[in-house]
């Protein structure tokens, strides 16, 4: 019974860390695994290009999400200030 409980706690910890990690890190475990799969079997110049492209796409997506969040916050502030 103790081993079962320990195994369940370990699985829950790993599952939560996989989903919480993108908040704190730029490249999470899932991103690294997908990068590895995309670069598998490629030569070095192509690997670097693939990795750089994928990282820049993720950075652009994060920046766009942050801009939308800030625009929404600013819009709410304007509505509050002007009473609409």
N, C-alpha and C. Protein backbone atom coordinates (compact mmCIF):
# COMPACT_ATOMS: atom_id res chain seq x y z
N UNK A 1 0.81 -1.18 0.00
CA UNK A 1 0.00 0.00 0.00
C UNK A 1 0.87 1.26 0.00
N UNK A 2 1.95 1.23 0.80
CA UNK A 2 2.83 2.40 0.87
C UNK A 2 3.51 2.66 -0.48
N UNK A 3 3.87 1.60 -1.18
CA UNK A 3 4.51 1.75 -2.49
C UNK A 3 3.53 2.34 -3.49
N UNK A 4 2.29 1.90 -3.41
CA UNK A 4 1.26 2.42 -4.32
C UNK A 4 1.05 3.91 -4.10
N UNK A 5 0.95 4.33 -2.85
CA UNK A 5 0.77 5.74 -2.51
C UNK A 5 1.99 6.54 -2.99
N UNK A 6 3.18 6.02 -2.78
CA UNK A 6 4.39 6.71 -3.21
C UNK A 6 4.42 6.84 -4.74
N UNK A 7 3.99 5.81 -5.44
CA UNK A 7 3.97 5.85 -6.90
C UNK A 7 2.94 6.88 -7.39
N UNK A 8 1.79 6.93 -6.76
CA UNK A 8 0.76 7.90 -7.15
C UNK A 8 1.25 9.32 -6.90
N UNK A 9 1.88 9.56 -5.77
CA UNK A 9 2.42 10.89 -5.47
C UNK A 9 3.49 11.27 -6.48
N UNK A 10 4.36 10.35 -6.85
CA UNK A 10 5.41 10.64 -7.83
C UNK A 10 4.81 10.96 -9.19
N UNK A 11 3.81 10.22 -9.62
CA UNK A 11 3.17 10.48 -10.91
C UNK A 11 2.46 11.82 -10.90
N UNK A 12 1.77 12.13 -9.81
CA UNK A 12 1.11 13.44 -9.70
C UNK A 12 2.11 14.58 -9.73
N UNK A 13 3.23 14.42 -9.06
CA UNK A 13 4.27 15.45 -9.05
C UNK A 13 4.81 15.68 -10.46
N UNK A 14 5.07 14.63 -11.18
CA UNK A 14 5.59 14.77 -12.55
C UNK A 14 4.54 15.41 -13.45
N UNK A 15 3.29 15.01 -13.33
CA UNK A 15 2.23 15.58 -14.17
C UNK A 15 2.05 17.07 -13.89
N UNK A 16 2.05 17.45 -12.64
CA UNK A 16 1.89 18.86 -12.29
C UNK A 16 3.09 19.67 -12.75
N UNK A 17 4.28 19.12 -12.63
CA UNK A 17 5.47 19.87 -13.04
C UNK A 17 5.51 20.06 -14.55
N UNK A 18 4.98 19.13 -15.32
CA UNK A 18 4.96 19.30 -16.77
C UNK A 18 4.05 20.45 -17.18
N UNK A 19 2.95 20.63 -16.47
CA UNK A 19 2.03 21.70 -16.84
C UNK A 19 2.38 23.03 -16.19
N UNK A 20 3.05 23.01 -15.06
CA UNK A 20 3.43 24.25 -14.39
C UNK A 20 4.71 24.83 -14.95
N UNK A 21 5.54 24.00 -15.57
CA UNK A 21 6.84 24.45 -16.04
C UNK A 21 6.78 25.55 -17.10
N UNK A 22 5.84 25.55 -18.06
CA UNK A 22 5.85 26.62 -19.05
C UNK A 22 5.69 28.01 -18.46
N UNK A 23 5.11 28.10 -17.28
CA UNK A 23 4.93 29.39 -16.64
C UNK A 23 6.27 29.95 -16.21
N UNK A 24 7.16 29.11 -15.74
CA UNK A 24 8.41 29.56 -15.16
C UNK A 24 9.61 29.45 -16.10
N UNK A 25 9.53 28.65 -17.11
CA UNK A 25 10.66 28.44 -18.00
C UNK A 25 10.27 28.76 -19.43
N UNK A 26 11.23 29.18 -20.22
CA UNK A 26 10.92 29.47 -21.61
C UNK A 26 10.75 28.20 -22.41
N UNK A 27 11.63 27.28 -22.27
CA UNK A 27 11.52 26.00 -22.98
C UNK A 27 11.20 24.92 -21.96
N UNK A 28 10.00 24.38 -22.04
CA UNK A 28 9.62 23.34 -21.09
C UNK A 28 10.02 21.98 -21.63
N UNK A 29 9.72 20.95 -20.88
CA UNK A 29 10.11 19.59 -21.23
C UNK A 29 9.46 19.17 -22.55
N UNK A 30 8.20 19.51 -22.72
CA UNK A 30 7.50 19.13 -23.95
C UNK A 30 8.12 19.79 -25.18
N UNK A 31 8.51 21.07 -25.04
CA UNK A 31 9.17 21.76 -26.15
C UNK A 31 10.51 21.10 -26.49
N UNK A 32 11.26 20.76 -25.47
CA UNK A 32 12.56 20.12 -25.71
C UNK A 32 12.40 18.76 -26.37
N UNK A 33 11.38 18.01 -25.95
CA UNK A 33 11.16 16.70 -26.56
C UNK A 33 10.73 16.85 -28.02
N UNK A 34 9.88 17.84 -28.31
CA UNK A 34 9.46 18.02 -29.71
C UNK A 34 10.62 18.54 -30.56
N UNK A 35 11.49 19.38 -29.97
CA UNK A 35 12.68 19.83 -30.70
C UNK A 35 13.59 18.64 -31.01
N UNK A 36 13.77 17.78 -30.04
CA UNK A 36 14.61 16.61 -30.25
C UNK A 36 14.05 15.74 -31.37
N UNK A 37 12.74 15.56 -31.38
CA UNK A 37 12.12 14.72 -32.42
C UNK A 37 12.25 15.38 -33.79
N UNK A 38 12.15 16.69 -33.85
CA UNK A 38 12.25 17.39 -35.13
C UNK A 38 13.68 17.36 -35.68
N UNK A 39 14.66 17.34 -34.78
CA UNK A 39 16.06 17.39 -35.23
C UNK A 39 16.69 16.01 -35.37
N UNK A 40 15.98 14.99 -35.01
CA UNK A 40 16.53 13.64 -35.04
C UNK A 40 16.89 13.23 -36.47
N UNK A 41 18.13 12.83 -36.65
CA UNK A 41 18.60 12.37 -37.95
C UNK A 41 19.07 13.47 -38.89
N UNK A 42 19.08 14.70 -38.43
CA UNK A 42 19.51 15.82 -39.28
C UNK A 42 20.99 16.12 -39.02
N UNK A 43 21.63 16.75 -39.97
CA UNK A 43 23.03 17.16 -39.82
C UNK A 43 23.08 18.50 -39.07
N UNK A 44 24.25 18.91 -38.64
CA UNK A 44 24.41 20.05 -37.76
C UNK A 44 23.87 21.38 -38.30
N UNK A 45 24.17 21.82 -39.50
CA UNK A 45 23.65 23.13 -39.91
C UNK A 45 22.12 23.16 -39.92
N UNK A 46 21.51 22.08 -40.34
CA UNK A 46 20.06 22.02 -40.39
C UNK A 46 19.47 21.98 -38.98
N UNK A 47 20.15 21.29 -38.05
CA UNK A 47 19.69 21.23 -36.67
C UNK A 47 19.62 22.62 -36.06
N UNK A 48 20.67 23.40 -36.27
CA UNK A 48 20.73 24.75 -35.70
C UNK A 48 19.62 25.63 -36.27
N UNK A 49 19.38 25.50 -37.56
CA UNK A 49 18.33 26.32 -38.19
C UNK A 49 16.94 25.93 -37.68
N UNK A 50 16.69 24.64 -37.54
CA UNK A 50 15.40 24.17 -37.05
C UNK A 50 15.18 24.65 -35.61
N UNK A 51 16.20 24.50 -34.78
CA UNK A 51 16.08 24.90 -33.39
C UNK A 51 15.86 26.41 -33.26
N UNK A 52 16.61 27.20 -34.03
CA UNK A 52 16.45 28.65 -33.98
C UNK A 52 15.06 29.07 -34.45
N UNK A 53 14.57 28.44 -35.51
CA UNK A 53 13.24 28.79 -36.03
C UNK A 53 12.16 28.45 -35.00
N UNK A 54 12.25 27.27 -34.41
CA UNK A 54 11.23 26.85 -33.44
C UNK A 54 11.25 27.73 -32.20
N UNK A 55 12.44 28.08 -31.73
CA UNK A 55 12.54 28.95 -30.55
C UNK A 55 12.00 30.34 -30.85
N UNK A 56 12.30 30.87 -32.04
CA UNK A 56 11.79 32.21 -32.37
C UNK A 56 10.28 32.20 -32.53
N UNK A 57 9.72 31.12 -33.07
CA UNK A 57 8.26 31.02 -33.18
C UNK A 57 7.61 30.99 -31.81
N UNK A 58 8.21 30.24 -30.88
CA UNK A 58 7.65 30.19 -29.53
C UNK A 58 7.76 31.55 -28.84
N UNK A 59 8.89 32.24 -29.04
CA UNK A 59 9.07 33.56 -28.43
C UNK A 59 8.05 34.55 -29.01
N UNK A 60 7.81 34.48 -30.31
CA UNK A 60 6.82 35.37 -30.93
C UNK A 60 5.42 35.09 -30.40
N UNK A 61 5.11 33.82 -30.21
CA UNK A 61 3.80 33.45 -29.68
C UNK A 61 3.63 33.96 -28.25
N UNK A 62 4.70 33.84 -27.43
CA UNK A 62 4.62 34.35 -26.05
C UNK A 62 4.47 35.87 -26.05
N UNK A 63 5.20 36.56 -26.92
CA UNK A 63 5.12 38.01 -26.98
C UNK A 63 3.73 38.46 -27.43
N UNK A 64 3.17 37.77 -28.41
CA UNK A 64 1.83 38.11 -28.88
C UNK A 64 0.79 37.90 -27.77
N UNK A 65 0.92 36.83 -27.03
CA UNK A 65 0.00 36.55 -25.94
C UNK A 65 0.11 37.63 -24.86
N UNK A 66 1.32 38.03 -24.56
CA UNK A 66 1.54 39.08 -23.55
C UNK A 66 0.98 40.42 -24.03
N UNK A 67 1.14 40.73 -25.32
CA UNK A 67 0.59 41.98 -25.86
C UNK A 67 -0.93 41.99 -25.79
N UNK A 68 -1.56 40.85 -26.12
CA UNK A 68 -3.02 40.77 -26.02
C UNK A 68 -3.48 40.96 -24.58
N UNK A 69 -2.74 40.39 -23.65
CA UNK A 69 -3.09 40.52 -22.25
C UNK A 69 -2.98 41.98 -21.79
N UNK A 70 -1.90 42.65 -22.21
CA UNK A 70 -1.71 44.05 -21.84
C UNK A 70 -2.76 44.94 -22.49
N UNK A 71 -3.12 44.66 -23.74
CA UNK A 71 -4.14 45.45 -24.43
C UNK A 71 -5.49 45.30 -23.73
N UNK A 72 -5.79 44.09 -23.31
CA UNK A 72 -7.05 43.85 -22.60
C UNK A 72 -7.07 44.61 -21.28
N UNK A 73 -5.94 44.58 -20.57
CA UNK A 73 -5.84 45.30 -19.30
C UNK A 73 -5.98 46.81 -19.51
N UNK A 74 -5.35 47.32 -20.57
CA UNK A 74 -5.42 48.74 -20.87
C UNK A 74 -6.85 49.13 -21.26
N UNK A 75 -7.52 48.29 -22.03
CA UNK A 75 -8.90 48.54 -22.44
C UNK A 75 -9.82 48.60 -21.22
N UNK A 76 -9.62 47.68 -20.28
CA UNK A 76 -10.42 47.69 -19.07
C UNK A 76 -10.16 48.95 -18.25
N UNK A 77 -8.91 49.40 -18.21
CA UNK A 77 -8.57 50.63 -17.50
C UNK A 77 -9.21 51.85 -18.12
N UNK A 78 -9.24 51.88 -19.45
CA UNK A 78 -9.87 53.00 -20.16
C UNK A 78 -11.37 53.01 -19.91
N UNK A 79 -12.01 51.85 -19.92
CA UNK A 79 -13.45 51.78 -19.65
C UNK A 79 -13.74 52.23 -18.22
N UNK A 80 -12.88 51.85 -17.32
CA UNK A 80 -13.06 52.25 -15.92
C UNK A 80 -12.87 53.75 -15.76
N UNK A 81 -11.89 54.30 -16.45
CA UNK A 81 -11.58 55.73 -16.31
C UNK A 81 -12.66 56.61 -16.97
N UNK A 82 -13.17 56.18 -18.10
CA UNK A 82 -14.14 57.00 -18.83
C UNK A 82 -15.58 56.53 -18.64
N UNK A 83 -15.79 55.50 -17.87
CA UNK A 83 -17.12 55.06 -17.51
C UNK A 83 -17.97 54.51 -18.63
N UNK A 84 -17.43 53.72 -19.48
CA UNK A 84 -18.24 53.13 -20.56
C UNK A 84 -18.49 51.70 -20.31
